[in-house]
């Protein structure tokens, strides 16, 4: 008799498992458990059915689209097929999911902000370096401009000195020429007079 009971229990379990597997393979939709603390899952559509466990608020579940007696059949993340009160089921994410999603987006924005700050710091450093190089180039240009001005002044002074030198050399040549022009005729006249006196 005990073997018969064991066989019946095994067949019953196998039949239940096959039913659950069949229900699990049917088309499901995404759903969420509302923001209560914990919801009891029952083996059937009512409080009088055995409690299979609990599901936490905000948990994402699969809806089998079966409802009965204000209960909805779900498949929890562990693959358990159970019934929960329909008022605790929604197709919209619960507050926990929304907060988790917002926290994820906030983390992404924080990462983007950090990257932008790093880029801004790099650009600021590059700008400072370019400003420093520009200032250095401006100083070099000013120094070269001063050197050019000094060189031009020296060239102008040299040109003036050369012109003065040429002027003085010309004046000396002119003076020597005038002196020779005055002295040589007299020297020639004295010789002639000396020759005439001998005659």
N, C-alpha and C. Protein backbone atom coordinates (compact mmCIF):
# COMPACT_ATOMS: atom_id res chain seq x y z
N UNK A 1 0.83 -1.21 0.00
CA UNK A 1 0.00 0.00 0.00
C UNK A 1 0.86 1.25 0.00
N UNK A 2 1.97 1.23 0.76
CA UNK A 2 2.87 2.38 0.82
C UNK A 2 3.54 2.61 -0.52
N UNK A 3 3.81 1.51 -1.26
CA UNK A 3 4.40 1.64 -2.59
C UNK A 3 3.41 2.31 -3.52
N UNK A 4 2.12 1.95 -3.36
CA UNK A 4 1.09 2.56 -4.19
C UNK A 4 0.99 4.07 -3.92
N UNK A 5 1.05 4.43 -2.66
CA UNK A 5 1.01 5.86 -2.30
C UNK A 5 2.22 6.60 -2.86
N UNK A 6 3.39 5.98 -2.74
CA UNK A 6 4.61 6.61 -3.27
C UNK A 6 4.51 6.79 -4.77
N UNK A 7 3.95 5.80 -5.44
CA UNK A 7 3.79 5.91 -6.90
C UNK A 7 2.82 7.03 -7.25
N UNK A 8 1.72 7.12 -6.48
CA UNK A 8 0.75 8.19 -6.73
C UNK A 8 1.38 9.57 -6.50
N UNK A 9 2.16 9.68 -5.45
CA UNK A 9 2.83 10.97 -5.16
C UNK A 9 3.80 11.32 -6.28
N UNK A 10 4.57 10.33 -6.73
CA UNK A 10 5.54 10.58 -7.82
C UNK A 10 4.82 10.99 -9.09
N UNK A 11 3.71 10.27 -9.41
CA UNK A 11 2.95 10.63 -10.60
C UNK A 11 2.34 12.02 -10.48
N UNK A 12 1.87 12.32 -9.27
CA UNK A 12 1.30 13.66 -9.05
C UNK A 12 2.35 14.75 -9.23
N UNK A 13 3.54 14.52 -8.67
CA UNK A 13 4.62 15.49 -8.81
C UNK A 13 5.06 15.63 -10.26
N UNK A 14 5.13 14.51 -10.95
CA UNK A 14 5.53 14.54 -12.35
C UNK A 14 4.50 15.29 -13.18
N UNK A 15 3.20 15.04 -12.88
CA UNK A 15 2.15 15.73 -13.61
C UNK A 15 2.20 17.24 -13.34
N UNK A 16 2.41 17.62 -12.06
CA UNK A 16 2.51 19.04 -11.70
C UNK A 16 3.69 19.69 -12.40
N UNK A 17 4.81 18.96 -12.42
CA UNK A 17 6.00 19.50 -13.08
C UNK A 17 5.77 19.70 -14.56
N UNK A 18 5.07 18.73 -15.18
CA UNK A 18 4.80 18.87 -16.61
C UNK A 18 3.86 20.04 -16.88
N UNK A 19 2.87 20.22 -15.97
CA UNK A 19 1.97 21.37 -16.12
C UNK A 19 2.73 22.68 -15.99
N UNK A 20 3.62 22.76 -14.99
CA UNK A 20 4.42 23.97 -14.80
C UNK A 20 5.31 24.22 -15.99
N UNK A 21 5.92 23.17 -16.51
CA UNK A 21 6.80 23.32 -17.68
C UNK A 21 6.01 23.78 -18.88
N UNK A 22 4.80 23.21 -19.05
CA UNK A 22 3.96 23.61 -20.16
C UNK A 22 3.55 25.08 -20.03
N UNK A 23 3.18 25.47 -18.81
CA UNK A 23 2.80 26.86 -18.58
C UNK A 23 3.97 27.79 -18.79
N UNK A 24 5.15 27.33 -18.41
CA UNK A 24 6.33 28.18 -18.54
C UNK A 24 6.71 28.42 -20.00
N UNK A 25 6.39 27.44 -20.86
CA UNK A 25 6.76 27.59 -22.27
C UNK A 25 5.76 28.44 -23.03
N UNK A 26 4.60 28.73 -22.45
CA UNK A 26 3.63 29.57 -23.13
C UNK A 26 4.14 31.00 -23.19
N UNK A 27 3.56 31.76 -24.08
CA UNK A 27 3.99 33.14 -24.29
C UNK A 27 3.77 33.96 -23.02
N UNK A 28 4.81 34.71 -22.64
CA UNK A 28 4.74 35.52 -21.43
C UNK A 28 5.07 36.96 -21.76
N UNK A 29 4.72 37.85 -20.83
CA UNK A 29 5.06 39.27 -20.96
C UNK A 29 5.81 39.69 -19.72
N UNK A 30 6.47 40.82 -19.84
CA UNK A 30 7.27 41.33 -18.72
C UNK A 30 6.37 42.03 -17.71
N UNK A 31 6.62 41.78 -16.44
CA UNK A 31 5.86 42.43 -15.39
C UNK A 31 6.75 42.71 -14.19
N UNK A 32 6.21 43.43 -13.23
CA UNK A 32 6.95 43.81 -12.04
C UNK A 32 6.05 43.66 -10.82
N UNK A 33 6.69 43.32 -9.71
CA UNK A 33 5.98 43.27 -8.43
C UNK A 33 5.99 44.67 -7.84
N UNK A 34 4.84 45.11 -7.32
CA UNK A 34 4.72 46.47 -6.80
C UNK A 34 5.58 46.67 -5.56
N UNK A 35 5.64 47.90 -5.10
CA UNK A 35 6.61 48.29 -4.08
C UNK A 35 6.17 47.98 -2.65
N UNK A 36 5.57 46.85 -2.40
CA UNK A 36 5.41 46.36 -1.03
C UNK A 36 6.69 45.62 -0.65
N UNK A 37 6.80 45.25 0.60
CA UNK A 37 8.04 44.62 1.04
C UNK A 37 8.22 43.23 0.43
N UNK A 38 7.33 42.31 0.73
CA UNK A 38 7.39 40.97 0.18
C UNK A 38 5.98 40.49 -0.13
N UNK A 39 5.87 39.73 -1.19
CA UNK A 39 4.58 39.20 -1.61
C UNK A 39 4.64 37.67 -1.54
N UNK A 40 3.59 37.06 -0.97
CA UNK A 40 3.53 35.60 -0.93
C UNK A 40 3.11 35.06 -2.28
N UNK A 41 3.77 34.00 -2.69
CA UNK A 41 3.40 33.31 -3.92
C UNK A 41 2.67 32.02 -3.54
N UNK A 42 1.53 31.80 -4.20
CA UNK A 42 0.72 30.62 -3.90
C UNK A 42 0.75 29.66 -5.08
N UNK A 43 0.46 28.42 -4.77
CA UNK A 43 0.43 27.40 -5.82
C UNK A 43 -0.82 27.49 -6.67
N UNK A 44 -1.82 28.24 -6.21
CA UNK A 44 -3.04 28.41 -6.98
C UNK A 44 -3.60 29.81 -6.79
N UNK A 45 -4.72 30.09 -7.44
CA UNK A 45 -5.29 31.43 -7.44
C UNK A 45 -6.15 31.66 -6.21
N UNK A 46 -5.49 31.80 -5.05
CA UNK A 46 -6.23 32.07 -3.83
C UNK A 46 -5.35 31.89 -2.61
N UNK A 47 -5.78 32.53 -1.48
CA UNK A 47 -5.01 32.41 -0.24
C UNK A 47 -5.07 31.00 0.35
N UNK A 48 -6.06 30.23 -0.06
CA UNK A 48 -6.19 28.89 0.49
C UNK A 48 -5.20 27.91 -0.11
N UNK A 49 -4.49 28.32 -1.16
CA UNK A 49 -3.49 27.44 -1.77
C UNK A 49 -2.17 27.54 -1.02
N UNK A 50 -1.37 26.50 -1.19
CA UNK A 50 -0.10 26.41 -0.49
C UNK A 50 0.82 27.56 -0.89
N UNK A 51 1.55 28.12 0.09
CA UNK A 51 2.53 29.20 -0.16
C UNK A 51 3.82 28.56 -0.68
N UNK A 52 4.24 29.00 -1.85
CA UNK A 52 5.47 28.47 -2.46
C UNK A 52 6.71 29.27 -2.05
N UNK A 53 6.50 30.46 -1.56
CA UNK A 53 7.62 31.31 -1.18
C UNK A 53 7.22 32.76 -1.28
N UNK A 54 8.21 33.63 -1.30
CA UNK A 54 7.95 35.06 -1.40
C UNK A 54 8.74 35.64 -2.57
N UNK A 55 8.29 36.77 -3.02
CA UNK A 55 8.99 37.51 -4.06
C UNK A 55 9.13 38.95 -3.58
N UNK A 56 10.32 39.52 -3.75
CA UNK A 56 10.59 40.86 -3.24
C UNK A 56 9.94 41.94 -4.11
N UNK A 57 9.68 43.05 -3.47
CA UNK A 57 9.09 44.19 -4.18
C UNK A 57 10.04 44.66 -5.28
N UNK A 58 9.48 45.06 -6.39
CA UNK A 58 10.26 45.58 -7.51
C UNK A 58 10.89 44.51 -8.37
N UNK A 59 10.70 43.23 -8.02
CA UNK A 59 11.30 42.15 -8.79
C UNK A 59 10.67 42.07 -10.18
N UNK A 60 11.51 41.88 -11.19
CA UNK A 60 11.00 41.69 -12.55
C UNK A 60 10.59 40.24 -12.72
N UNK A 61 9.36 40.01 -13.16
CA UNK A 61 8.83 38.66 -13.33
C UNK A 61 8.25 38.54 -14.73
N UNK A 62 7.92 37.30 -15.09
CA UNK A 62 7.24 37.04 -16.36
C UNK A 62 5.77 36.77 -16.07
N UNK A 63 4.90 37.42 -16.82
CA UNK A 63 3.46 37.23 -16.67
C UNK A 63 2.98 36.23 -17.71
N UNK A 64 2.27 35.19 -17.26
CA UNK A 64 1.74 34.18 -18.20
C UNK A 64 0.43 34.62 -18.82
N UNK A 65 -0.03 35.83 -18.43
CA UNK A 65 -1.29 36.38 -18.93
C UNK A 65 -2.51 35.55 -18.48
N UNK A 66 -2.35 34.82 -17.38
CA UNK A 66 -3.47 34.08 -16.80
C UNK A 66 -3.88 34.76 -15.50
N UNK A 67 -5.16 35.08 -15.39
CA UNK A 67 -5.70 35.67 -14.17
C UNK A 67 -6.92 34.88 -13.71
N UNK A 68 -7.11 34.86 -12.40
CA UNK A 68 -8.26 34.13 -11.83
C UNK A 68 -8.45 34.58 -10.38
N UNK A 69 -9.67 34.90 -10.04
CA UNK A 69 -10.01 35.28 -8.65
C UNK A 69 -9.10 36.42 -8.14
N UNK A 70 -8.90 37.41 -8.97
CA UNK A 70 -8.04 38.56 -8.62
C UNK A 70 -6.61 38.13 -8.32
N UNK A 71 -6.19 37.01 -8.93
CA UNK A 71 -4.81 36.54 -8.83
C UNK A 71 -4.21 36.46 -10.24
N UNK A 72 -2.92 36.68 -10.33
CA UNK A 72 -2.22 36.62 -11.61
C UNK A 72 -1.11 35.59 -11.52
N UNK A 73 -0.98 34.80 -12.56
CA UNK A 73 0.08 33.79 -12.57
C UNK A 73 1.38 34.43 -13.07
N UNK A 74 2.47 34.14 -12.37
CA UNK A 74 3.78 34.72 -12.72
C UNK A 74 4.83 33.61 -12.76
N UNK A 75 5.97 33.94 -13.36
CA UNK A 75 7.17 33.11 -13.28
C UNK A 75 8.26 33.99 -12.69
N UNK A 76 8.74 33.63 -11.51
CA UNK A 76 9.72 34.48 -10.84
C UNK A 76 11.11 34.24 -11.43
N UNK A 77 12.12 35.04 -11.04
CA UNK A 77 13.47 34.90 -11.61
C UNK A 77 14.08 33.52 -11.37
N UNK A 78 13.58 32.78 -10.37
CA UNK A 78 14.09 31.42 -10.11
C UNK A 78 13.38 30.37 -10.95
N UNK A 79 12.44 30.80 -11.80
CA UNK A 79 11.73 29.87 -12.66
C UNK A 79 10.52 29.23 -12.01
N UNK A 80 10.12 29.69 -10.84
CA UNK A 80 8.97 29.12 -10.16
C UNK A 80 7.68 29.72 -10.72
N UNK A 81 6.73 28.86 -11.03
CA UNK A 81 5.43 29.31 -11.51
C UNK A 81 4.49 29.39 -10.31
N UNK A 82 3.91 30.56 -10.08
CA UNK A 82 3.08 30.76 -8.89
C UNK A 82 2.04 31.82 -9.18
N UNK A 83 1.14 31.97 -8.18
CA UNK A 83 0.07 32.96 -8.30
C UNK A 83 0.26 34.01 -7.20
N UNK A 84 0.06 35.28 -7.57
CA UNK A 84 0.09 36.37 -6.60
C UNK A 84 -1.12 37.24 -6.82
N UNK A 85 -1.46 38.02 -5.81
CA UNK A 85 -2.62 38.91 -5.95
C UNK A 85 -2.37 39.93 -7.06
N UNK A 86 -3.36 40.13 -7.89
CA UNK A 86 -3.21 40.99 -9.08
C UNK A 86 -2.88 42.43 -8.72
N UNK A 87 -3.32 42.88 -7.52
CA UNK A 87 -3.06 44.27 -7.15
C UNK A 87 -1.57 44.52 -6.93
N UNK A 88 -0.79 43.44 -6.77
CA UNK A 88 0.65 43.59 -6.55
C UNK A 88 1.46 43.43 -7.83
N UNK A 89 0.76 43.32 -8.97
CA UNK A 89 1.45 43.09 -10.25
C UNK A 89 1.21 44.28 -11.17
N UNK A 90 2.26 44.69 -11.85
CA UNK A 90 2.15 45.82 -12.78
C UNK A 90 3.06 45.57 -13.97
N UNK A 91 2.68 46.15 -15.09
CA UNK A 91 3.55 46.06 -16.28
C UNK A 91 4.55 47.20 -16.31
N UNK A 92 4.44 48.11 -15.36
CA UNK A 92 5.39 49.23 -15.28
C UNK A 92 6.40 48.95 -14.18
N UNK A 93 7.63 49.38 -14.38
CA UNK A 93 8.66 49.15 -13.36
C UNK A 93 8.28 49.81 -12.04
N UNK A 94 8.64 49.16 -10.96
CA UNK A 94 8.39 49.73 -9.65
C UNK A 94 9.40 50.82 -9.32
N UNK A 95 9.18 51.43 -8.16
CA UNK A 95 10.05 52.53 -7.75
C UNK A 95 11.50 52.09 -7.62
N UNK A 96 11.72 50.87 -7.13
CA UNK A 96 13.09 50.38 -7.01
C UNK A 96 13.77 50.29 -8.36
N UNK A 97 13.04 49.76 -9.35
CA UNK A 97 13.62 49.65 -10.69
C UNK A 97 13.92 51.02 -11.27
N UNK A 98 12.97 51.95 -11.06
CA UNK A 98 13.18 53.31 -11.58
C UNK A 98 14.39 53.94 -10.92
N UNK A 99 14.50 53.77 -9.59
CA UNK A 99 15.65 54.34 -8.88
C UNK A 99 16.94 53.69 -9.35
N UNK A 100 16.91 52.35 -9.52
CA UNK A 100 18.12 51.66 -10.00
C UNK A 100 18.51 52.15 -11.39
N UNK A 101 17.48 52.32 -12.27
CA UNK A 101 17.76 52.82 -13.61
C UNK A 101 18.32 54.24 -13.56
N UNK A 102 17.71 55.07 -12.71
CA UNK A 102 18.19 56.45 -12.58
C UNK A 102 19.61 56.49 -12.01
N UNK A 103 19.89 55.59 -11.05
CA UNK A 103 21.25 55.52 -10.50
C UNK A 103 22.25 55.11 -11.57
N UNK A 104 21.82 54.18 -12.43
CA UNK A 104 22.70 53.77 -13.54
C UNK A 104 22.97 54.92 -14.48
N UNK A 105 21.89 55.65 -14.82
CA UNK A 105 22.07 56.81 -15.70
C UNK A 105 22.93 57.87 -15.04
N UNK A 106 22.72 58.07 -13.72
CA UNK A 106 23.52 59.04 -12.98
C UNK A 106 25.00 58.65 -12.97
N UNK A 107 25.25 57.34 -12.81
CA UNK A 107 26.64 56.86 -12.84
C UNK A 107 27.25 57.11 -14.22
N UNK A 108 26.47 56.84 -15.29
CA UNK A 108 26.97 57.10 -16.65
C UNK A 108 27.26 58.58 -16.84
N UNK A 109 26.34 59.43 -16.37
CA UNK A 109 26.55 60.88 -16.49
C UNK A 109 27.76 61.32 -15.69
N UNK A 110 27.96 60.70 -14.52
CA UNK A 110 29.14 61.05 -13.71
C UNK A 110 30.42 60.67 -14.44
N UNK A 111 30.40 59.48 -15.09
CA UNK A 111 31.57 59.07 -15.87
C UNK A 111 31.82 60.03 -17.02
N UNK A 112 30.75 60.41 -17.72
CA UNK A 112 30.90 61.36 -18.81
C UNK A 112 31.41 62.70 -18.30
N UNK A 113 30.89 63.13 -17.13
CA UNK A 113 31.34 64.38 -16.55
C UNK A 113 32.83 64.31 -16.20
N UNK A 114 33.25 63.17 -15.64
CA UNK A 114 34.67 63.00 -15.30
C UNK A 114 35.53 63.06 -16.55
N UNK A 115 35.07 62.41 -17.62
CA UNK A 115 35.82 62.45 -18.87
C UNK A 115 35.90 63.87 -19.42
N UNK A 116 34.77 64.59 -19.36
CA UNK A 116 34.76 65.98 -19.84
C UNK A 116 35.68 66.86 -18.99
N UNK A 117 35.69 66.61 -17.68
CA UNK A 117 36.58 67.38 -16.81
C UNK A 117 38.04 67.09 -17.14
N UNK A 118 38.36 65.83 -17.42
CA UNK A 118 39.72 65.49 -17.81
C UNK A 118 40.09 66.17 -19.13
N UNK A 119 39.15 66.13 -20.08
CA UNK A 119 39.41 66.80 -21.36
C UNK A 119 39.59 68.30 -21.17
N UNK A 120 38.75 68.90 -20.28
CA UNK A 120 38.86 70.33 -20.02
C UNK A 120 40.21 70.65 -19.38
N UNK A 121 40.63 69.80 -18.42
CA UNK A 121 41.93 70.01 -17.79
C UNK A 121 43.05 69.92 -18.82
N UNK A 122 42.96 68.92 -19.72
CA UNK A 122 43.97 68.76 -20.76
C UNK A 122 44.00 69.97 -21.68
N UNK A 123 42.80 70.43 -22.08
CA UNK A 123 42.72 71.61 -22.95
C UNK A 123 43.25 72.85 -22.25
N UNK A 124 42.97 72.98 -20.95
CA UNK A 124 43.49 74.12 -20.19
C UNK A 124 45.01 74.08 -20.13
N UNK A 125 45.55 72.87 -19.90
CA UNK A 125 47.01 72.74 -19.88
C UNK A 125 47.61 73.06 -21.25
N UNK A 126 46.96 72.55 -22.30
CA UNK A 126 47.44 72.85 -23.65
C UNK A 126 47.38 74.36 -23.93
N UNK A 127 46.28 74.99 -23.49
CA UNK A 127 46.14 76.43 -23.70
C UNK A 127 47.22 77.20 -22.94
N UNK A 128 47.50 76.77 -21.71
CA UNK A 128 48.55 77.42 -20.92
C UNK A 128 49.90 77.26 -21.60
N UNK A 129 50.16 76.05 -22.12
CA UNK A 129 51.43 75.80 -22.79
C UNK A 129 51.54 76.65 -24.05
N UNK A 130 50.43 76.74 -24.81
CA UNK A 130 50.45 77.57 -26.02
C UNK A 130 50.64 79.04 -25.67
N UNK A 131 50.01 79.49 -24.58
CA UNK A 131 50.19 80.88 -24.15
C UNK A 131 51.64 81.14 -23.77
N UNK A 132 52.25 80.18 -23.07
CA UNK A 132 53.65 80.32 -22.68
C UNK A 132 54.55 80.37 -23.91
N UNK A 133 54.28 79.47 -24.88
CA UNK A 133 55.06 79.47 -26.11
C UNK A 133 54.87 80.78 -26.88
N UNK A 134 53.63 81.29 -26.88
CA UNK A 134 53.36 82.56 -27.56
C UNK A 134 54.13 83.69 -26.91
N UNK A 135 54.12 83.72 -25.56
CA UNK A 135 54.86 84.76 -24.85
C UNK A 135 56.36 84.66 -25.15
N UNK A 136 56.88 83.42 -25.19
CA UNK A 136 58.29 83.23 -25.50
C UNK A 136 58.61 83.71 -26.92
N UNK A 137 57.73 83.37 -27.86
CA UNK A 137 57.93 83.82 -29.25
C UNK A 137 57.86 85.35 -29.34
N UNK A 138 56.93 85.95 -28.60
CA UNK A 138 56.84 87.41 -28.60
C UNK A 138 58.12 88.04 -28.05
N UNK A 139 58.67 87.44 -26.99
CA UNK A 139 59.94 87.95 -26.44
C UNK A 139 61.06 87.81 -27.46
N UNK A 140 61.11 86.66 -28.15
CA UNK A 140 62.15 86.47 -29.17
C UNK A 140 61.98 87.47 -30.31
N UNK A 141 60.71 87.72 -30.70
CA UNK A 141 60.46 88.70 -31.77
C UNK A 141 60.90 90.09 -31.32
N UNK A 142 60.59 90.46 -30.07
CA UNK A 142 61.01 91.77 -29.56
C UNK A 142 62.52 91.88 -29.53
N UNK A 143 63.21 90.80 -29.11
CA UNK A 143 64.67 90.81 -29.07
C UNK A 143 65.25 90.94 -30.48
N UNK A 144 64.69 90.18 -31.42
CA UNK A 144 65.16 90.27 -32.81
C UNK A 144 64.88 91.65 -33.39
N UNK A 145 63.74 92.24 -33.02
CA UNK A 145 63.42 93.59 -33.50
C UNK A 145 64.44 94.60 -32.97
N UNK A 146 64.79 94.46 -31.69
CA UNK A 146 65.82 95.34 -31.13
C UNK A 146 67.16 95.15 -31.82
N UNK A 147 67.52 93.89 -32.06
CA UNK A 147 68.79 93.63 -32.75
C UNK A 147 68.77 94.22 -34.16
N UNK A 148 67.62 94.08 -34.85
CA UNK A 148 67.50 94.64 -36.20
C UNK A 148 67.62 96.16 -36.17
N UNK A 149 66.95 96.78 -35.19
CA UNK A 149 67.04 98.24 -35.07
C UNK A 149 68.47 98.68 -34.80
N UNK A 150 69.16 97.96 -33.89
CA UNK A 150 70.54 98.30 -33.57
C UNK A 150 71.44 98.11 -34.80
N UNK A 151 71.21 97.02 -35.54
CA UNK A 151 72.01 96.76 -36.75
C UNK A 151 71.76 97.84 -37.80
N UNK A 152 70.51 98.23 -37.98
CA UNK A 152 70.19 99.30 -38.94
C UNK A 152 70.86 100.62 -38.52
N UNK A 153 70.85 100.90 -37.21
CA UNK A 153 71.51 102.13 -36.73
C UNK A 153 73.01 102.08 -36.99
N UNK A 154 73.62 100.89 -36.75
CA UNK A 154 75.06 100.76 -37.02
C UNK A 154 75.36 100.95 -38.49
N UNK A 155 74.50 100.33 -39.35
CA UNK A 155 74.71 100.50 -40.79
C UNK A 155 74.58 101.96 -41.21
N UNK A 156 73.62 102.65 -40.61
CA UNK A 156 73.45 104.07 -40.94
C UNK A 156 74.66 104.88 -40.49
N UNK A 157 75.16 104.55 -39.27
CA UNK A 157 76.36 105.25 -38.78
C UNK A 157 77.56 104.95 -39.66
N UNK A 158 77.69 103.67 -40.06
CA UNK A 158 78.82 103.32 -40.94
C UNK A 158 78.71 104.04 -42.27
N UNK A 159 77.49 104.13 -42.80
CA UNK A 159 77.30 104.85 -44.07
C UNK A 159 77.67 106.32 -43.93
N UNK A 160 77.24 106.91 -42.79
CA UNK A 160 77.58 108.32 -42.55
C UNK A 160 79.09 108.49 -42.40
N UNK A 161 79.71 107.56 -41.65
CA UNK A 161 81.17 107.63 -41.46
C UNK A 161 81.92 107.48 -42.77
N UNK A 162 81.42 106.54 -43.62
CA UNK A 162 82.07 106.36 -44.94
C UNK A 162 81.95 107.63 -45.78
N UNK A 163 80.75 108.24 -45.75
CA UNK A 163 80.57 109.48 -46.51
C UNK A 163 81.47 110.59 -45.98
N UNK A 164 81.58 110.66 -44.64
CA UNK A 164 82.48 111.67 -44.06
C UNK A 164 83.93 111.40 -44.46
N UNK A 165 84.29 110.09 -44.41
CA UNK A 165 85.67 109.75 -44.77
C UNK A 165 85.97 110.11 -46.21
N UNK A 166 85.00 109.78 -47.08
CA UNK A 166 85.19 110.16 -48.49
C UNK A 166 85.26 111.68 -48.65
N UNK A 167 84.44 112.39 -47.90
CA UNK A 167 84.46 113.85 -47.98
C UNK A 167 85.81 114.41 -47.53
N UNK A 168 86.29 113.89 -46.38
CA UNK A 168 87.59 114.37 -45.89
C UNK A 168 88.72 113.99 -46.83
N UNK A 169 88.67 112.75 -47.35
CA UNK A 169 89.71 112.35 -48.32
C UNK A 169 89.68 113.23 -49.55
N UNK A 170 88.49 113.56 -50.03
CA UNK A 170 88.38 114.45 -51.20
C UNK A 170 88.89 115.84 -50.89
N UNK A 171 88.55 116.30 -49.66
CA UNK A 171 89.03 117.64 -49.29
C UNK A 171 90.55 117.67 -49.21
N UNK A 172 91.14 116.59 -48.67
CA UNK A 172 92.60 116.53 -48.56
C UNK A 172 93.23 116.51 -49.94
N UNK A 173 92.65 115.67 -50.81
CA UNK A 173 93.19 115.61 -52.18
C UNK A 173 93.07 116.96 -52.86
N UNK A 174 91.94 117.61 -52.65
CA UNK A 174 91.74 118.94 -53.25
C UNK A 174 92.74 119.94 -52.71
N UNK A 175 92.93 119.88 -51.35
CA UNK A 175 93.89 120.82 -50.75
C UNK A 175 95.30 120.58 -51.24
N UNK A 176 95.68 119.30 -51.33
CA UNK A 176 97.03 118.98 -51.83
C UNK A 176 97.17 119.41 -53.26
N UNK A 177 96.14 119.23 -54.03
CA UNK A 177 96.19 119.64 -55.44
C UNK A 177 96.35 121.16 -55.56
N UNK A 178 95.61 121.90 -54.72
CA UNK A 178 95.73 123.37 -54.76
C UNK A 178 97.13 123.82 -54.36
N UNK A 179 97.65 123.18 -53.32
CA UNK A 179 99.00 123.53 -52.88
C UNK A 179 100.01 123.24 -53.96
N UNK A 180 99.91 122.08 -54.56
CA UNK A 180 100.85 121.75 -55.62
C UNK A 180 100.68 122.70 -56.79
N UNK A 181 99.43 123.07 -57.06
CA UNK A 181 99.20 124.00 -58.16
C UNK A 181 99.79 125.37 -57.90
N UNK A 182 99.87 125.75 -56.64
CA UNK A 182 100.46 127.04 -56.32
C UNK A 182 101.97 126.97 -56.20
N UNK A 183 102.47 125.87 -55.69
CA UNK A 183 103.91 125.77 -55.43
C UNK A 183 104.68 125.44 -56.69
N UNK A 184 104.22 124.52 -57.47
CA UNK A 184 104.97 124.07 -58.63
C UNK A 184 105.24 125.19 -59.64
N UNK A 185 104.32 126.07 -59.95
CA UNK A 185 104.64 127.16 -60.89
C UNK A 185 105.74 128.08 -60.37
N UNK A 186 105.77 128.27 -59.07
CA UNK A 186 106.82 129.13 -58.53
C UNK A 186 108.18 128.47 -58.61
N UNK A 187 108.15 127.16 -58.32
CA UNK A 187 109.44 126.46 -58.42
C UNK A 187 109.95 126.48 -59.85
N UNK A 188 109.12 126.33 -60.79
CA UNK A 188 109.50 126.36 -62.21
C UNK A 188 110.00 127.75 -62.61
N UNK A 189 109.42 128.85 -62.12
CA UNK A 189 109.82 130.22 -62.45
C UNK A 189 111.18 130.55 -61.88
N UNK A 190 111.49 130.09 -60.65
CA UNK A 190 112.79 130.37 -60.04
C UNK A 190 113.90 129.69 -60.82
N UNK A 191 113.70 128.49 -61.26
CA UNK A 191 114.74 127.81 -62.03
C UNK A 191 115.03 128.56 -63.32
N UNK A 192 113.96 129.02 -63.92
CA UNK A 192 114.16 129.74 -65.17
C UNK A 192 114.92 131.05 -64.97
N UNK A 193 114.64 131.72 -63.90
CA UNK A 193 115.34 132.97 -63.63
C UNK A 193 116.81 132.73 -63.31
N UNK A 194 117.11 131.65 -62.64
CA UNK A 194 118.48 131.30 -62.35
C UNK A 194 119.25 131.00 -63.64
N UNK A 195 118.62 130.32 -64.55
CA UNK A 195 119.25 130.01 -65.82
C UNK A 195 119.50 131.30 -66.60
N UNK A 196 118.52 132.20 -66.57
CA UNK A 196 118.71 133.48 -67.29
C UNK A 196 119.85 134.31 -66.69
N UNK A 197 120.04 134.23 -65.41
CA UNK A 197 121.12 135.02 -64.80
C UNK A 197 122.48 134.51 -65.20
N UNK A 198 122.65 133.28 -65.50
CA UNK A 198 123.93 132.73 -65.96
C UNK A 198 124.24 133.18 -67.37
N UNK A 199 123.29 133.42 -68.10
CA UNK A 199 123.53 133.88 -69.45
C UNK A 199 123.96 135.32 -69.40
